PDB file of N, CA and C in Angstrom:
ATOM      1  N   UNK A   1     -10.015 -17.676  -6.168  1.00  0.00           N
ATOM      2  CA  UNK A   1     -10.111 -16.377  -6.821  1.00  0.00           C
ATOM      3  C   UNK A   1      -9.079 -15.400  -6.267  1.00  0.00           C
ATOM      4  N   UNK A   2      -8.848 -15.452  -4.962  1.00  0.00           N
ATOM      5  CA  UNK A   2      -7.857 -14.558  -4.365  1.00  0.00           C
ATOM      6  C   UNK A   2      -6.476 -14.849  -4.933  1.00  0.00           C
ATOM      7  N   UNK A   3      -6.124 -16.139  -5.011  1.00  0.00           N
ATOM      8  CA  UNK A   3      -4.802 -16.496  -5.536  1.00  0.00           C
ATOM      9  C   UNK A   3      -4.636 -16.040  -6.972  1.00  0.00           C
ATOM     10  N   UNK A   4      -5.673 -16.156  -7.767  1.00  0.00           N
ATOM     11  CA  UNK A   4      -5.583 -15.727  -9.160  1.00  0.00           C
ATOM     12  C   UNK A   4      -5.239 -14.242  -9.242  1.00  0.00           C
ATOM     13  N   UNK A   5      -5.913 -13.430  -8.462  1.00  0.00           N
ATOM     14  CA  UNK A   5      -5.636 -11.995  -8.447  1.00  0.00           C
ATOM     15  C   UNK A   5      -4.250 -11.682  -7.924  1.00  0.00           C
ATOM     16  N   UNK A   6      -3.835 -12.396  -6.888  1.00  0.00           N
ATOM     17  CA  UNK A   6      -2.511 -12.156  -6.299  1.00  0.00           C
ATOM     18  C   UNK A   6      -1.418 -12.496  -7.312  1.00  0.00           C
ATOM     19  N   UNK A   7      -1.518 -13.678  -7.923  1.00  0.00           N
ATOM     20  CA  UNK A   7      -0.467 -14.061  -8.871  1.00  0.00           C
ATOM     21  C   UNK A   7      -0.506 -13.201 -10.127  1.00  0.00           C
ATOM     22  N   UNK A   8      -1.676 -12.795 -10.560  1.00  0.00           N
ATOM     23  CA  UNK A   8      -1.762 -11.888 -11.714  1.00  0.00           C
ATOM     24  C   UNK A   8      -1.097 -10.553 -11.385  1.00  0.00           C
ATOM     25  N   UNK A   9      -1.328 -10.066 -10.191  1.00  0.00           N
ATOM     26  CA  UNK A   9      -0.704  -8.799  -9.784  1.00  0.00           C
ATOM     27  C   UNK A   9       0.810  -8.944  -9.674  1.00  0.00           C
ATOM     28  N   UNK A  10       1.251 -10.070  -9.139  1.00  0.00           N
ATOM     29  CA  UNK A  10       2.689 -10.283  -8.946  1.00  0.00           C
ATOM     30  C   UNK A  10       3.425 -10.589 -10.247  1.00  0.00           C
ATOM     31  N   UNK A  11       2.699 -10.862 -11.318  1.00  0.00           N
ATOM     32  CA  UNK A  11       3.342 -11.196 -12.592  1.00  0.00           C
ATOM     33  C   UNK A  11       4.075 -10.005 -13.192  1.00  0.00           C
ATOM     34  N   UNK A  12       3.732  -8.810 -12.766  1.00  0.00           N
ATOM     35  CA  UNK A  12       4.350  -7.610 -13.346  1.00  0.00           C
ATOM     36  C   UNK A  12       5.497  -7.113 -12.458  1.00  0.00           C
ATOM     37  N   UNK A  13       6.695  -6.895 -13.020  1.00  0.00           N
ATOM     38  CA  UNK A  13       7.832  -6.465 -12.194  1.00  0.00           C
ATOM     39  C   UNK A  13       7.647  -5.083 -11.564  1.00  0.00           C
ATOM     40  N   UNK A  14       6.918  -4.208 -12.219  1.00  0.00           N
ATOM     41  CA  UNK A  14       6.675  -2.889 -11.631  1.00  0.00           C
ATOM     42  C   UNK A  14       5.834  -3.029 -10.364  1.00  0.00           C
ATOM     43  N   UNK A  15       4.827  -3.882 -10.421  1.00  0.00           N
ATOM     44  CA  UNK A  15       3.980  -4.070  -9.240  1.00  0.00           C
ATOM     45  C   UNK A  15       4.765  -4.729  -8.110  1.00  0.00           C
ATOM     46  N   UNK A  16       5.661  -5.660  -8.457  1.00  0.00           N
ATOM     47  CA  UNK A  16       6.488  -6.273  -7.403  1.00  0.00           C
ATOM     48  C   UNK A  16       7.405  -5.225  -6.778  1.00  0.00           C
ATOM     49  N   UNK A  17       7.937  -4.333  -7.602  1.00  0.00           N
ATOM     50  CA  UNK A  17       8.811  -3.264  -7.082  1.00  0.00           C
ATOM     51  C   UNK A  17       8.013  -2.313  -6.178  1.00  0.00           C
ATOM     52  N   UNK A  18       6.788  -2.038  -6.556  1.00  0.00           N
ATOM     53  CA  UNK A  18       5.943  -1.177  -5.713  1.00  0.00           C
ATOM     54  C   UNK A  18       5.701  -1.845  -4.362  1.00  0.00           C
ATOM     55  N   UNK A  19       5.397  -3.133  -4.374  1.00  0.00           N
ATOM     56  CA  UNK A  19       5.195  -3.843  -3.105  1.00  0.00           C
ATOM     57  C   UNK A  19       6.464  -3.813  -2.258  1.00  0.00           C
ATOM     58  N   UNK A  20       7.609  -3.996  -2.907  1.00  0.00           N
ATOM     59  CA  UNK A  20       8.882  -3.967  -2.171  1.00  0.00           C
ATOM     60  C   UNK A  20       9.086  -2.589  -1.536  1.00  0.00           C
ATOM     61  N   UNK A  21       8.745  -1.540  -2.255  1.00  0.00           N
ATOM     62  CA  UNK A  21       8.875  -0.181  -1.699  1.00  0.00           C
ATOM     63  C   UNK A  21       7.946   0.014  -0.507  1.00  0.00           C
ATOM     64  N   UNK A  22       6.742  -0.538  -0.617  1.00  0.00           N
ATOM     65  CA  UNK A  22       5.758  -0.343   0.453  1.00  0.00           C
ATOM     66  C   UNK A  22       6.109  -1.119   1.725  1.00  0.00           C
ATOM     67  N   UNK A  23       7.079  -2.053   1.646  1.00  0.00           N
ATOM     68  CA  UNK A  23       7.549  -2.723   2.870  1.00  0.00           C
ATOM     69  C   UNK A  23       8.171  -1.712   3.815  1.00  0.00           C
ATOM     70  N   UNK A  24       8.704  -0.609   3.246  1.00  0.00           N
ATOM     71  CA  UNK A  24       9.363   0.424   4.054  1.00  0.00           C
ATOM     72  C   UNK A  24       8.379   1.428   4.641  1.00  0.00           C
ATOM     73  N   UNK A  25       7.118   1.343   4.225  1.00  0.00           N
ATOM     74  CA  UNK A  25       6.122   2.263   4.770  1.00  0.00           C
ATOM     75  C   UNK A  25       5.206   2.796   3.684  1.00  0.00           C
ATOM     76  N   UNK A  26       4.157   3.480   4.122  1.00  0.00           N
ATOM     77  CA  UNK A  26       3.174   4.030   3.198  1.00  0.00           C
ATOM     78  C   UNK A  26       3.834   5.051   2.277  1.00  0.00           C
ATOM     79  N   UNK A  27       3.252   5.222   1.094  1.00  0.00           N
ATOM     80  CA  UNK A  27       3.828   6.148   0.119  1.00  0.00           C
ATOM     81  C   UNK A  27       2.731   6.728  -0.765  1.00  0.00           C
ATOM     82  N   UNK A  28       2.993   7.918  -1.270  1.00  0.00           N
ATOM     83  CA  UNK A  28       2.085   8.554  -2.221  1.00  0.00           C
ATOM     84  C   UNK A  28       2.366   8.007  -3.620  1.00  0.00           C
ATOM     85  N   UNK A  29       1.474   8.321  -4.537  1.00  0.00           N
ATOM     86  CA  UNK A  29       1.684   7.888  -5.921  1.00  0.00           C
ATOM     87  C   UNK A  29       2.966   8.511  -6.472  1.00  0.00           C
ATOM     88  N   UNK A  30       3.211   9.774  -6.157  1.00  0.00           N
ATOM     89  CA  UNK A  30       4.429  10.439  -6.650  1.00  0.00           C
ATOM     90  C   UNK A  30       5.683   9.743  -6.131  1.00  0.00           C
ATOM     91  N   UNK A  31       5.661   9.361  -4.863  1.00  0.00           N
ATOM     92  CA  UNK A  31       6.821   8.663  -4.286  1.00  0.00           C
ATOM     93  C   UNK A  31       7.009   7.296  -4.935  1.00  0.00           C
ATOM     94  N   UNK A  32       5.903   6.623  -5.204  1.00  0.00           N
ATOM     95  CA  UNK A  32       6.002   5.297  -5.826  1.00  0.00           C
ATOM     96  C   UNK A  32       6.418   5.390  -7.286  1.00  0.00           C
ATOM     97  N   UNK A  33       6.053   6.493  -7.950  1.00  0.00           N
ATOM     98  CA  UNK A  33       6.377   6.660  -9.363  1.00  0.00           C
ATOM     99  C   UNK A  33       7.826   7.097  -9.579  1.00  0.00           C
ATOM    100  N   UNK A  34       8.447   7.697  -8.572  1.00  0.00           N
ATOM    101  CA  UNK A  34       9.784   8.294  -8.725  1.00  0.00           C
ATOM    102  C   UNK A  34      10.822   7.360  -9.360  1.00  0.00           C
ATOM    103  N   UNK A  35      10.933   6.100  -8.944  1.00  0.00           N
ATOM    104  CA  UNK A  35      12.001   5.269  -9.528  1.00  0.00           C
ATOM    105  C   UNK A  35      11.716   4.766 -10.938  1.00  0.00           C
ATOM    106  N   UNK A  36      10.517   4.989 -11.434  1.00  0.00           N
ATOM    107  CA  UNK A  36      10.142   4.433 -12.734  1.00  0.00           C
ATOM    108  C   UNK A  36      10.082   5.528 -13.788  1.00  0.00           C
ATOM    109  N   UNK A  37      10.326   5.145 -15.037  1.00  0.00           N
ATOM    110  CA  UNK A  37      10.192   6.098 -16.138  1.00  0.00           C
ATOM    111  C   UNK A  37       8.787   5.962 -16.723  1.00  0.00           C
ATOM    112  N   UNK A  38       7.801   6.223 -15.890  1.00  0.00           N
ATOM    113  CA  UNK A  38       6.407   6.173 -16.331  1.00  0.00           C
ATOM    114  C   UNK A  38       5.632   7.260 -15.600  1.00  0.00           C
ATOM    115  N   UNK A  39       4.502   7.579 -16.154  1.00  0.00           N
ATOM    116  CA  UNK A  39       3.690   8.653 -15.588  1.00  0.00           C
ATOM    117  C   UNK A  39       3.009   8.202 -14.287  1.00  0.00           C
ATOM    118  N   UNK A  40       2.560   9.176 -13.511  1.00  0.00           N
ATOM    119  CA  UNK A  40       1.822   8.847 -12.292  1.00  0.00           C
ATOM    120  C   UNK A  40       0.504   8.128 -12.615  1.00  0.00           C
ATOM    121  N   UNK A  41      -0.207   8.523 -13.714  1.00  0.00           N
ATOM    122  CA  UNK A  41      -1.408   7.739 -14.048  1.00  0.00           C
ATOM    123  C   UNK A  41      -1.098   6.274 -14.350  1.00  0.00           C
ATOM    124  N   UNK A  42       0.042   6.022 -14.973  1.00  0.00           N
ATOM    125  CA  UNK A  42       0.429   4.629 -15.241  1.00  0.00           C
ATOM    126  C   UNK A  42       0.682   3.890 -13.931  1.00  0.00           C
ATOM    127  N   UNK A  43       1.333   4.555 -12.999  1.00  0.00           N
ATOM    128  CA  UNK A  43       1.564   3.935 -11.683  1.00  0.00           C
ATOM    129  C   UNK A  43       0.227   3.730 -10.971  1.00  0.00           C
ATOM    130  N   UNK A  44      -0.683   4.682 -11.125  1.00  0.00           N
ATOM    131  CA  UNK A  44      -2.009   4.538 -10.508  1.00  0.00           C
ATOM    132  C   UNK A  44      -2.734   3.295 -11.033  1.00  0.00           C
ATOM    133  N   UNK A  45      -2.548   2.971 -12.301  1.00  0.00           N
ATOM    134  CA  UNK A  45      -3.164   1.759 -12.858  1.00  0.00           C
ATOM    135  C   UNK A  45      -2.586   0.519 -12.184  1.00  0.00           C
ATOM    136  N   UNK A  46      -1.283   0.521 -11.958  1.00  0.00           N
ATOM    137  CA  UNK A  46      -0.659  -0.603 -11.246  1.00  0.00           C
ATOM    138  C   UNK A  46      -1.216  -0.691  -9.816  1.00  0.00           C
ATOM    139  N   UNK A  47      -1.383   0.469  -9.182  1.00  0.00           N
ATOM    140  CA  UNK A  47      -1.911   0.473  -7.815  1.00  0.00           C
ATOM    141  C   UNK A  47      -3.333  -0.085  -7.777  1.00  0.00           C
ATOM    142  N   UNK A  48      -4.104   0.233  -8.786  1.00  0.00           N
ATOM    143  CA  UNK A  48      -5.471  -0.281  -8.839  1.00  0.00           C
ATOM    144  C   UNK A  48      -5.480  -1.812  -8.915  1.00  0.00           C
ATOM    145  N   UNK A  49      -4.581  -2.376  -9.730  1.00  0.00           N
ATOM    146  CA  UNK A  49      -4.475  -3.844  -9.824  1.00  0.00           C
ATOM    147  C   UNK A  49      -4.079  -4.431  -8.470  1.00  0.00           C
ATOM    148  N   UNK A  50      -3.102  -3.804  -7.818  1.00  0.00           N
ATOM    149  CA  UNK A  50      -2.660  -4.291  -6.506  1.00  0.00           C
ATOM    150  C   UNK A  50      -3.782  -4.184  -5.477  1.00  0.00           C
ATOM    151  N   UNK A  51      -4.544  -3.115  -5.538  1.00  0.00           N
ATOM    152  CA  UNK A  51      -5.656  -2.923  -4.609  1.00  0.00           C
ATOM    153  C   UNK A  51      -6.742  -3.978  -4.851  1.00  0.00           C
ATOM    154  N   UNK A  52      -7.066  -4.245  -6.104  1.00  0.00           N
ATOM    155  CA  UNK A  52      -8.081  -5.254  -6.425  1.00  0.00           C
ATOM    156  C   UNK A  52      -7.652  -6.647  -5.983  1.00  0.00           C
ATOM    157  N   UNK A  53      -6.346  -6.894  -5.974  1.00  0.00           N
ATOM    158  CA  UNK A  53      -5.819  -8.187  -5.512  1.00  0.00           C
ATOM    159  C   UNK A  53      -5.743  -8.242  -3.988  1.00  0.00           C
ATOM    160  N   UNK A  54      -6.018  -7.138  -3.324  1.00  0.00           N
ATOM    161  CA  UNK A  54      -5.974  -7.087  -1.871  1.00  0.00           C
ATOM    162  C   UNK A  54      -4.576  -6.908  -1.319  1.00  0.00           C
ATOM    163  N   UNK A  55      -3.625  -6.595  -2.185  1.00  0.00           N
ATOM    164  CA  UNK A  55      -2.235  -6.471  -1.748  1.00  0.00           C
ATOM    165  C   UNK A  55      -1.892  -5.093  -1.203  1.00  0.00           C
ATOM    166  N   UNK A  56      -2.710  -4.107  -1.496  1.00  0.00           N
ATOM    167  CA  UNK A  56      -2.524  -2.781  -0.907  1.00  0.00           C
ATOM    168  C   UNK A  56      -3.897  -2.222  -0.542  1.00  0.00           C
ATOM    169  N   UNK A  57      -3.861  -1.261   0.358  1.00  0.00           N
ATOM    170  CA  UNK A  57      -5.049  -0.457   0.635  1.00  0.00           C
ATOM    171  C   UNK A  57      -4.627   0.996   0.471  1.00  0.00           C
ATOM    172  N   UNK A  58      -5.582   1.850   0.277  1.00  0.00           N
ATOM    173  CA  UNK A  58      -5.254   3.263   0.108  1.00  0.00           C
ATOM    174  C   UNK A  58      -6.070   4.096   1.090  1.00  0.00           C
ATOM    175  N   UNK A  59      -5.448   5.150   1.572  1.00  0.00           N
ATOM    176  CA  UNK A  59      -6.120   6.054   2.508  1.00  0.00           C
ATOM    177  C   UNK A  59      -5.743   7.494   2.163  1.00  0.00           C
ATOM    178  N   UNK A  60      -6.505   8.393   2.719  1.00  0.00           N
ATOM    179  CA  UNK A  60      -6.276   9.825   2.463  1.00  0.00           C
ATOM    180  C   UNK A  60      -5.727  10.450   3.737  1.00  0.00           C
ATOM    181  N   UNK A  61      -4.617  11.163   3.637  1.00  0.00           N
ATOM    182  CA  UNK A  61      -4.071  11.928   4.763  1.00  0.00           C
ATOM    183  C   UNK A  61      -3.824  13.343   4.258  1.00  0.00           C
ATOM    184  N   UNK A  62      -4.613  14.275   4.760  1.00  0.00           N
ATOM    185  CA  UNK A  62      -4.599  15.660   4.263  1.00  0.00           C
ATOM    186  C   UNK A  62      -4.868  15.627   2.761  1.00  0.00           C
ATOM    187  N   UNK A  63      -3.949  16.142   1.966  1.00  0.00           N
ATOM    188  CA  UNK A  63      -4.160  16.122   0.513  1.00  0.00           C
ATOM    189  C   UNK A  63      -3.488  14.929  -0.151  1.00  0.00           C
ATOM    190  N   UNK A  64      -2.773  14.157   0.640  1.00  0.00           N
ATOM    191  CA  UNK A  64      -2.032  13.025   0.065  1.00  0.00           C
ATOM    192  C   UNK A  64      -2.865  11.745   0.131  1.00  0.00           C
ATOM    193  N   UNK A  65      -2.825  10.981  -0.940  1.00  0.00           N
ATOM    194  CA  UNK A  65      -3.446   9.651  -0.946  1.00  0.00           C
ATOM    195  C   UNK A  65      -2.317   8.635  -0.819  1.00  0.00           C
ATOM    196  N   UNK A  66      -2.366   7.894   0.277  1.00  0.00           N
ATOM    197  CA  UNK A  66      -1.278   6.973   0.594  1.00  0.00           C
ATOM    198  C   UNK A  66      -1.656   5.535   0.263  1.00  0.00           C
ATOM    199  N   UNK A  67      -0.661   4.779  -0.173  1.00  0.00           N
ATOM    200  CA  UNK A  67      -0.814   3.347  -0.395  1.00  0.00           C
ATOM    201  C   UNK A  67      -0.147   2.617   0.758  1.00  0.00           C
ATOM    202  N   UNK A  68      -0.777   1.524   1.187  1.00  0.00           N
ATOM    203  CA  UNK A  68      -0.291   0.749   2.329  1.00  0.00           C
ATOM    204  C   UNK A  68      -0.233  -0.733   1.928  1.00  0.00           C
ATOM    205  N   UNK A  69       0.848  -1.388   2.240  1.00  0.00           N
ATOM    206  CA  UNK A  69       1.003  -2.815   1.943  1.00  0.00           C
ATOM    207  C   UNK A  69       0.057  -3.643   2.804  1.00  0.00           C
ATOM    208  N   UNK A  70      -0.668  -4.536   2.172  1.00  0.00           N
ATOM    209  CA  UNK A  70      -1.512  -5.515   2.874  1.00  0.00           C
ATOM    210  C   UNK A  70      -0.942  -6.887   2.532  1.00  0.00           C
ATOM    211  N   UNK A  71      -0.157  -7.431   3.420  1.00  0.00           N
ATOM    212  CA  UNK A  71       0.614  -8.644   3.107  1.00  0.00           C
ATOM    213  C   UNK A  71      -0.175  -9.936   3.300  1.00  0.00           C
ATOM    214  N   UNK A  72      -1.342  -9.895   3.905  1.00  0.00           N
ATOM    215  CA  UNK A  72      -2.080 -11.130   4.213  1.00  0.00           C
ATOM    216  C   UNK A  72      -2.332 -11.999   2.975  1.00  0.00           C
ATOM    217  N   UNK A  73      -2.726 -11.422   1.824  1.00  0.00           N
ATOM    218  CA  UNK A  73      -2.935 -12.293   0.652  1.00  0.00           C
ATOM    219  C   UNK A  73      -1.666 -13.036   0.226  1.00  0.00           C
ATOM    220  N   UNK A  74      -0.513 -12.488   0.554  1.00  0.00           N
ATOM    221  CA  UNK A  74       0.740 -13.174   0.215  1.00  0.00           C
ATOM    222  C   UNK A  74       0.899 -14.453   1.035  1.00  0.00           C
ATOM    223  N   UNK A  75       0.325 -14.464   2.243  1.00  0.00           N
ATOM    224  CA  UNK A  75       0.425 -15.654   3.095  1.00  0.00           C
ATOM    225  C   UNK A  75      -0.247 -16.846   2.400  1.00  0.00           C
ATOM    226  N   UNK A  76      -1.411 -16.610   1.810  1.00  0.00           N
ATOM    227  CA  UNK A  76      -2.115 -17.685   1.110  1.00  0.00           C
ATOM    228  C   UNK A  76      -1.308 -18.155  -0.101  1.00  0.00           C
ATOM    229  N   UNK A  77      -0.682 -17.194  -0.816  1.00  0.00           N
ATOM    230  CA  UNK A  77       0.134 -17.549  -1.976  1.00  0.00           C
ATOM    231  C   UNK A  77       1.345 -18.380  -1.542  1.00  0.00           C
ATOM    232  N   UNK A  78       1.960 -17.994  -0.437  1.00  0.00           N
ATOM    233  CA  UNK A  78       3.117 -18.741   0.068  1.00  0.00           C
ATOM    234  C   UNK A  78       2.693 -20.151   0.467  1.00  0.00           C
ATOM    235  N   UNK A  79       1.534 -20.266   1.109  1.00  0.00           N
ATOM    236  CA  UNK A  79       1.021 -21.586   1.489  1.00  0.00           C
ATOM    237  C   UNK A  79       0.830 -22.481   0.278  1.00  0.00           C
ATOM    238  N   UNK A  80       0.297 -21.903  -0.775  1.00  0.00           N
ATOM    239  CA  UNK A  80       0.089 -22.677  -1.999  1.00  0.00           C
ATOM    240  C   UNK A  80       1.435 -23.119  -2.581  1.00  0.00           C
ATOM    241  N   UNK A  81       2.410 -22.213  -2.595  1.00  0.00           N
ATOM    242  CA  UNK A  81       3.737 -22.539  -3.134  1.00  0.00           C
ATOM    243  C   UNK A  81       4.458 -23.571  -2.266  1.00  0.00           C
ATOM    244  N   UNK A  82       4.228 -23.538  -0.960  1.00  0.00           N
ATOM    245  CA  UNK A  82       4.912 -24.480  -0.060  1.00  0.00           C
ATOM    246  C   UNK A  82       4.533 -25.923  -0.379  1.00  0.00           C
ATOM    247  N   UNK A  83       3.304 -26.143  -0.861  1.00  0.00           N
ATOM    248  CA  UNK A  83       2.925 -27.499  -1.268  1.00  0.00           C
ATOM    249  C   UNK A  83       3.848 -27.995  -2.378  1.00  0.00           C
ATOM    250  N   UNK A  84       4.221 -27.146  -3.264  1.00  0.00           N
ATOM    251  CA  UNK A  84       5.112 -27.532  -4.365  1.00  0.00           C
ATOM    252  C   UNK A  84       6.558 -27.634  -3.909  1.00  0.00           C
ATOM    253  N   UNK A  85       6.916 -26.900  -2.870  1.00  0.00           N
ATOM    254  CA  UNK A  85       8.264 -27.023  -2.311  1.00  0.00           C
ATOM    255  C   UNK A  85       8.460 -28.451  -1.794  1.00  0.00           C
ATOM    256  N   UNK A  86       7.446 -28.970  -1.124  1.00  0.00           N
ATOM    257  CA  UNK A  86       7.528 -30.349  -0.632  1.00  0.00           C
ATOM    258  C   UNK A  86       7.647 -31.321  -1.805  1.00  0.00           C
ATOM    259  N   UNK A  87       6.900 -31.065  -2.872  1.00  0.00           N
ATOM    260  CA  UNK A  87       6.977 -31.914  -4.064  1.00  0.00           C
ATOM    261  C   UNK A  87       8.398 -31.940  -4.608  1.00  0.00           C
ATOM    262  N   UNK A  88       9.021 -30.746  -4.735  1.00  0.00           N
ATOM    263  CA  UNK A  88      10.375 -30.684  -5.290  1.00  0.00           C
ATOM    264  C   UNK A  88      11.387 -31.316  -4.349  1.00  0.00           C
ATOM    265  N   UNK A  89      11.218 -31.172  -3.064  1.00  0.00           N
ATOM    266  CA  UNK A  89      12.133 -31.801  -2.103  1.00  0.00           C
ATOM    267  C   UNK A  89      12.079 -33.322  -2.253  1.00  0.00           C
ATOM    268  N   UNK A  90      10.860 -33.867  -2.391  1.00  0.00           N
ATOM    269  CA  UNK A  90      10.724 -35.322  -2.578  1.00  0.00           C
ATOM    270  C   UNK A  90      11.354 -35.760  -3.901  1.00  0.00           C
ATOM    271  N   UNK A  91      11.184 -34.943  -4.935  1.00  0.00           N
ATOM    272  CA  UNK A  91      11.776 -35.279  -6.238  1.00  0.00           C
ATOM    273  C   UNK A  91      13.299 -35.284  -6.155  1.00  0.00           C
ATOM    274  N   UNK A  92      13.869 -34.306  -5.465  1.00  0.00           N
ATOM    275  CA  UNK A  92      15.324 -34.261  -5.331  1.00  0.00           C
ATOM    276  C   UNK A  92      15.825 -35.431  -4.486  1.00  0.00           C
ATOM    277  N   UNK A  93      15.063 -35.814  -3.473  1.00  0.00           N
ATOM    278  CA  UNK A  93      15.454 -36.974  -2.663  1.00  0.00           C
ATOM    279  C   UNK A  93      15.487 -38.239  -3.525  1.00  0.00           C
ATOM    280  N   UNK A  94      14.481 -38.404  -4.386  1.00  0.00           N
ATOM    281  CA  UNK A  94      14.456 -39.578  -5.275  1.00  0.00           C
ATOM    282  C   UNK A  94      15.630 -39.525  -6.248  1.00  0.00           C
ATOM    283  N   UNK A  95      15.954 -38.345  -6.730  1.00  0.00           N
ATOM    284  CA  UNK A  95      17.099 -38.190  -7.637  1.00  0.00           C
ATOM    285  C   UNK A  95      18.403 -38.537  -6.918  1.00  0.00           C
ATOM    286  N   UNK A  96      18.547 -38.076  -5.676  1.00  0.00           N
ATOM    287  CA  UNK A  96      19.735 -38.416  -4.883  1.00  0.00           C
ATOM    288  C   UNK A  96      19.858 -39.929  -4.718  1.00  0.00           C
ATOM    289  N   UNK A  97      18.725 -40.583  -4.423  1.00  0.00           N
ATOM    290  CA  UNK A  97      18.743 -42.044  -4.259  1.00  0.00           C
ATOM    291  C   UNK A  97      19.169 -42.730  -5.560  1.00  0.00           C
ATOM    292  N   UNK A  98      18.637 -42.243  -6.691  1.00  0.00           N
ATOM    293  CA  UNK A  98      18.995 -42.819  -7.979  1.00  0.00           C
ATOM    294  C   UNK A  98      20.485 -42.644  -8.266  1.00  0.00           C
ATOM    295  N   UNK A  99      21.009 -41.443  -7.989  1.00  0.00           N
ATOM    296  CA  UNK A  99      22.435 -41.188  -8.224  1.00  0.00           C
ATOM    297  C   UNK A  99      23.303 -42.069  -7.323  1.00  0.00           C
ATOM    298  N   UNK A 100      22.875 -42.269  -6.080  1.00  0.00           N
ATOM    299  CA  UNK A 100      23.620 -43.165  -5.178  1.00  0.00           C
ATOM    300  C   UNK A 100      23.627 -44.592  -5.725  1.00  0.00           C
ATOM    301  N   UNK A 101      22.480 -45.048  -6.232  1.00  0.00           N
ATOM    302  CA  UNK A 101      22.393 -46.392  -6.806  1.00  0.00           C
ATOM    303  C   UNK A 101      23.319 -46.521  -8.016  1.00  0.00           C
ATOM    304  N   UNK A 102      23.333 -45.512  -8.864  1.00  0.00           N
ATOM    305  CA  UNK A 102      24.184 -45.545 -10.057  1.00  0.00           C
ATOM    306  C   UNK A 102      25.662 -45.569  -9.684  1.00  0.00           C
ATOM    307  N   UNK A 103      26.036 -44.825  -8.632  1.00  0.00           N
ATOM    308  CA  UNK A 103      27.433 -44.814  -8.192  1.00  0.00           C
ATOM    309  C   UNK A 103      27.846 -46.196  -7.688  1.00  0.00           C
ATOM    310  N   UNK A 104      26.938 -46.830  -6.959  1.00  0.00           N
ATOM    311  CA  UNK A 104      27.240 -48.165  -6.415  1.00  0.00           C
ATOM    312  C   UNK A 104      27.375 -49.200  -7.526  1.00  0.00           C
ATOM    313  N   UNK A 105      26.639 -49.035  -8.618  1.00  0.00           N
ATOM    314  CA  UNK A 105      26.675 -49.995  -9.717  1.00  0.00           C
ATOM    315  C   UNK A 105      27.923 -49.821 -10.586  1.00  0.00           C
ATOM    316  N   UNK A 106      28.517 -48.613 -10.525  1.00  0.00           N
ATOM    317  CA  UNK A 106      29.673 -48.394 -11.422  1.00  0.00           C
ATOM    318  C   UNK A 106      30.988 -48.714 -10.756  1.00  0.00           C
TER     319      UNK A 106
END
Protein backbone atom coordinates (compact mmCIF):
# COMPACT_ATOMS: atom_id res chain seq x y z
CA UNK A 1 0.00 0.00 0.00
CA UNK A 2 2.85 2.39 0.77
CA UNK A 3 4.45 1.79 -2.63
CA UNK A 4 1.15 2.40 -4.39
CA UNK A 5 0.80 5.80 -2.75
CA UNK A 6 4.44 6.70 -3.36
CA UNK A 7 4.36 5.82 -7.05
CA UNK A 8 0.98 7.50 -7.52
CA UNK A 9 2.38 10.66 -5.95
CA UNK A 10 5.55 10.50 -8.04
CA UNK A 11 3.56 10.08 -11.27
CA UNK A 12 2.88 13.82 -11.37
CA UNK A 13 5.75 16.11 -12.52
CA UNK A 14 4.59 18.97 -10.29
CA UNK A 15 4.80 16.75 -7.22
CA UNK A 16 8.26 15.54 -8.26
CA UNK A 17 9.36 19.17 -8.65
CA UNK A 18 7.99 19.98 -5.20
CA UNK A 19 9.96 17.10 -3.70
CA UNK A 20 13.09 18.29 -5.51
CA UNK A 21 12.58 21.78 -4.04
CA UNK A 22 12.11 20.37 -0.56
CA UNK A 23 15.56 18.70 -0.77
CA UNK A 24 16.90 22.22 -0.19
CA UNK A 25 14.88 22.70 2.98
CA UNK A 26 11.41 23.33 4.35
CA UNK A 27 9.16 25.69 2.42
CA UNK A 28 5.79 27.40 2.67
CA UNK A 29 3.02 26.83 0.17
CA UNK A 30 3.73 30.24 -1.37
CA UNK A 31 7.40 29.36 -1.84
CA UNK A 32 6.50 26.01 -3.38
CA UNK A 33 3.91 27.60 -5.66
CA UNK A 34 6.24 30.34 -6.97
CA UNK A 35 7.80 28.40 -9.88
CA UNK A 36 4.46 27.10 -11.14
CA UNK A 37 1.67 28.84 -13.03
CA UNK A 38 -0.98 27.52 -10.66
CA UNK A 39 -2.78 28.78 -7.62
CA UNK A 40 -1.69 28.09 -4.05
CA UNK A 41 -4.83 25.96 -3.49
CA UNK A 42 -3.79 23.82 -6.45
CA UNK A 43 -0.33 23.41 -4.93
CA UNK A 44 -1.97 22.59 -1.60
CA UNK A 45 -3.80 19.70 -3.30
CA UNK A 46 -0.47 18.36 -4.53
CA UNK A 47 0.94 18.72 -1.01
CA UNK A 48 -1.98 16.75 0.38
CA UNK A 49 -1.24 13.87 -2.02
CA UNK A 50 2.44 13.95 -1.04
CA UNK A 51 1.53 14.01 2.65
CA UNK A 52 -0.85 11.05 2.28
CA UNK A 53 1.95 9.12 0.55
CA UNK A 54 4.22 9.89 3.50
CA UNK A 55 6.63 11.84 1.32
CA UNK A 56 6.22 15.11 3.20
CA UNK A 57 5.15 16.26 6.62
CA UNK A 58 3.81 19.66 7.51
CA UNK A 59 4.35 21.80 10.57
CA UNK A 60 3.37 25.25 11.78
CA UNK A 61 6.01 27.89 12.55
CA UNK A 62 4.47 31.19 13.67
CA UNK A 63 1.96 31.97 10.92
CA UNK A 64 3.73 29.91 8.29
CA UNK A 65 2.82 26.31 7.51
CA UNK A 66 5.95 24.55 6.35
CA UNK A 67 6.35 21.40 4.27
CA UNK A 68 9.24 19.05 5.04
CA UNK A 69 10.60 16.24 2.85
CA UNK A 70 10.22 12.76 4.34
CA UNK A 71 12.48 10.63 2.17
CA UNK A 72 12.05 7.27 3.96
CA UNK A 73 9.19 6.06 1.70
CA UNK A 74 11.49 6.62 -1.28
CA UNK A 75 13.91 4.05 0.18
CA UNK A 76 11.26 1.33 -0.14
CA UNK A 77 10.49 2.45 -3.71
CA UNK A 78 14.19 2.34 -4.61
CA UNK A 79 14.46 -1.15 -3.10
CA UNK A 80 11.58 -2.32 -5.23
CA UNK A 81 13.14 -0.79 -8.37
CA UNK A 82 16.56 -2.31 -7.59
CA UNK A 83 15.05 -5.79 -8.03
CA UNK A 84 14.27 -4.85 -11.62
CA UNK A 85 17.71 -3.32 -12.11
CA UNK A 86 19.17 -6.76 -11.46
CA UNK A 87 16.69 -8.24 -13.95
CA UNK A 88 17.77 -5.78 -16.66
CA UNK A 89 21.47 -6.33 -15.94
CA UNK A 90 20.98 -10.09 -16.40
CA UNK A 91 19.03 -9.47 -19.61
CA UNK A 92 21.80 -7.27 -21.00
CA UNK A 93 24.40 -9.87 -20.05
CA UNK A 94 22.45 -12.52 -21.99
CA UNK A 95 22.18 -10.14 -24.94
CA UNK A 96 25.95 -9.51 -24.83
CA UNK A 97 26.55 -13.28 -24.83
CA UNK A 98 24.21 -13.71 -27.81
CA UNK A 99 25.94 -10.91 -29.75
CA UNK A 100 29.35 -12.47 -29.00
CA UNK A 101 28.09 -15.83 -30.30
CA UNK A 102 26.74 -14.21 -33.47
CA UNK A 103 30.06 -12.43 -34.09
CA UNK A 104 31.96 -15.70 -33.73
CA UNK A 105 29.62 -17.44 -36.20
CA UNK A 106 30.01 -14.76 -38.87
